Amino acid sequence: MNKTLTIILITLAVLLIGYNVTLVNYENPLEGNSVIALIGIVASLCAIVLLLIYLTSKKIQKKIEED
């Protein structure tokens, strides 16, 4: 997986977070479709963290191979 694809996936995850934020009912955030939206927000945040860890590991691997 190259850097461009990773950036596209991070952008998609951010867009999903934005969409799910609009679905949350702030009066009752733990009822109905709001729970599904909150799960989607948390899942997207996890995906972003995993992709950033992946990018960092690739940078470390590149530095190790150069030495």
Protein backbone atom coordinates (compact mmCIF):
# COMPACT_ATOMS: atom_id res chain seq x y z
CA MET A 1 0.00 0.00 0.00
CA ASN A 2 1.53 3.28 -1.03
CA LYS A 3 1.33 6.68 0.60
CA THR A 4 -1.30 8.03 -1.81
CA LEU A 5 -3.73 5.23 -1.05
CA THR A 6 -3.21 5.70 2.67
CA ILE A 7 -3.96 9.42 2.43
CA ILE A 8 -7.11 8.68 0.41
CA LEU A 9 -8.26 6.21 3.07
CA ILE A 10 -7.61 8.73 5.85
CA THR A 11 -9.61 11.34 3.92
CA LEU A 12 -12.50 8.90 3.50
CA ALA A 13 -12.45 8.15 7.22
CA VAL A 14 -12.58 11.87 8.04
CA LEU A 15 -15.53 12.28 5.66
CA LEU A 16 -17.30 9.36 7.36
CA ILE A 17 -16.77 11.03 10.72
CA GLY A 18 -18.31 14.22 9.37
CA TYR A 19 -21.31 12.35 8.00
CA ASN A 20 -21.86 10.38 11.21
CA VAL A 21 -21.67 13.54 13.33
CA THR A 22 -24.68 14.85 11.42
CA LEU A 23 -26.65 11.69 12.27
CA VAL A 24 -26.17 11.92 16.04
CA ASN A 25 -29.20 13.09 17.99
CA TYR A 26 -27.60 15.17 20.73
CA GLU A 27 -30.69 15.06 22.95
CA ASN A 28 -30.56 11.24 23.16
CA PRO A 29 -27.13 10.19 21.87
CA LEU A 30 -27.40 6.61 23.14
CA GLU A 31 -30.74 5.70 21.55
CA GLY A 32 -31.75 4.56 18.07
CA ASN A 33 -29.62 5.48 15.09
CA SER A 34 -27.40 7.73 17.21
CA VAL A 35 -25.69 4.67 18.66
CA ILE A 36 -24.89 3.43 15.16
CA ALA A 37 -23.52 6.86 14.25
CA LEU A 38 -21.34 6.92 17.39
CA ILE A 39 -20.01 3.45 16.57
CA GLY A 40 -19.20 4.69 13.05
CA ILE A 41 -17.33 7.68 14.47
CA VAL A 42 -15.27 5.49 16.80
CA ALA A 43 -14.56 2.98 14.02
CA SER A 44 -13.38 5.76 11.70
CA LEU A 45 -11.12 7.17 14.41
CA CYS A 46 -9.64 3.69 14.92
CA ALA A 47 -9.03 3.37 11.18
CA ILE A 48 -7.23 6.72 11.13
CA VAL A 49 -5.02 5.71 14.06
CA LEU A 50 -4.15 2.40 12.41
CA LEU A 51 -3.30 4.08 9.11
CA LEU A 52 -1.08 6.63 10.88
CA ILE A 53 0.70 3.80 12.71
CA TYR A 54 1.18 2.09 9.35
CA LEU A 55 2.68 5.24 7.81
CA THR A 56 5.01 5.66 10.78
CA SER A 57 6.16 2.05 10.60
CA LYS A 58 6.90 2.42 6.90
CA LYS A 59 9.02 5.52 7.59
CA ILE A 60 10.94 3.65 10.29
CA GLN A 61 11.44 0.66 7.98
CA LYS A 62 12.78 2.95 5.24
CA LYS A 63 15.28 4.57 7.65
CA ILE A 64 16.46 1.17 8.88
CA GLU A 65 16.97 -0.07 5.30
CA GLU A 66 19.00 3.03 4.42
CA ASP A 67 21.51 2.39 7.21
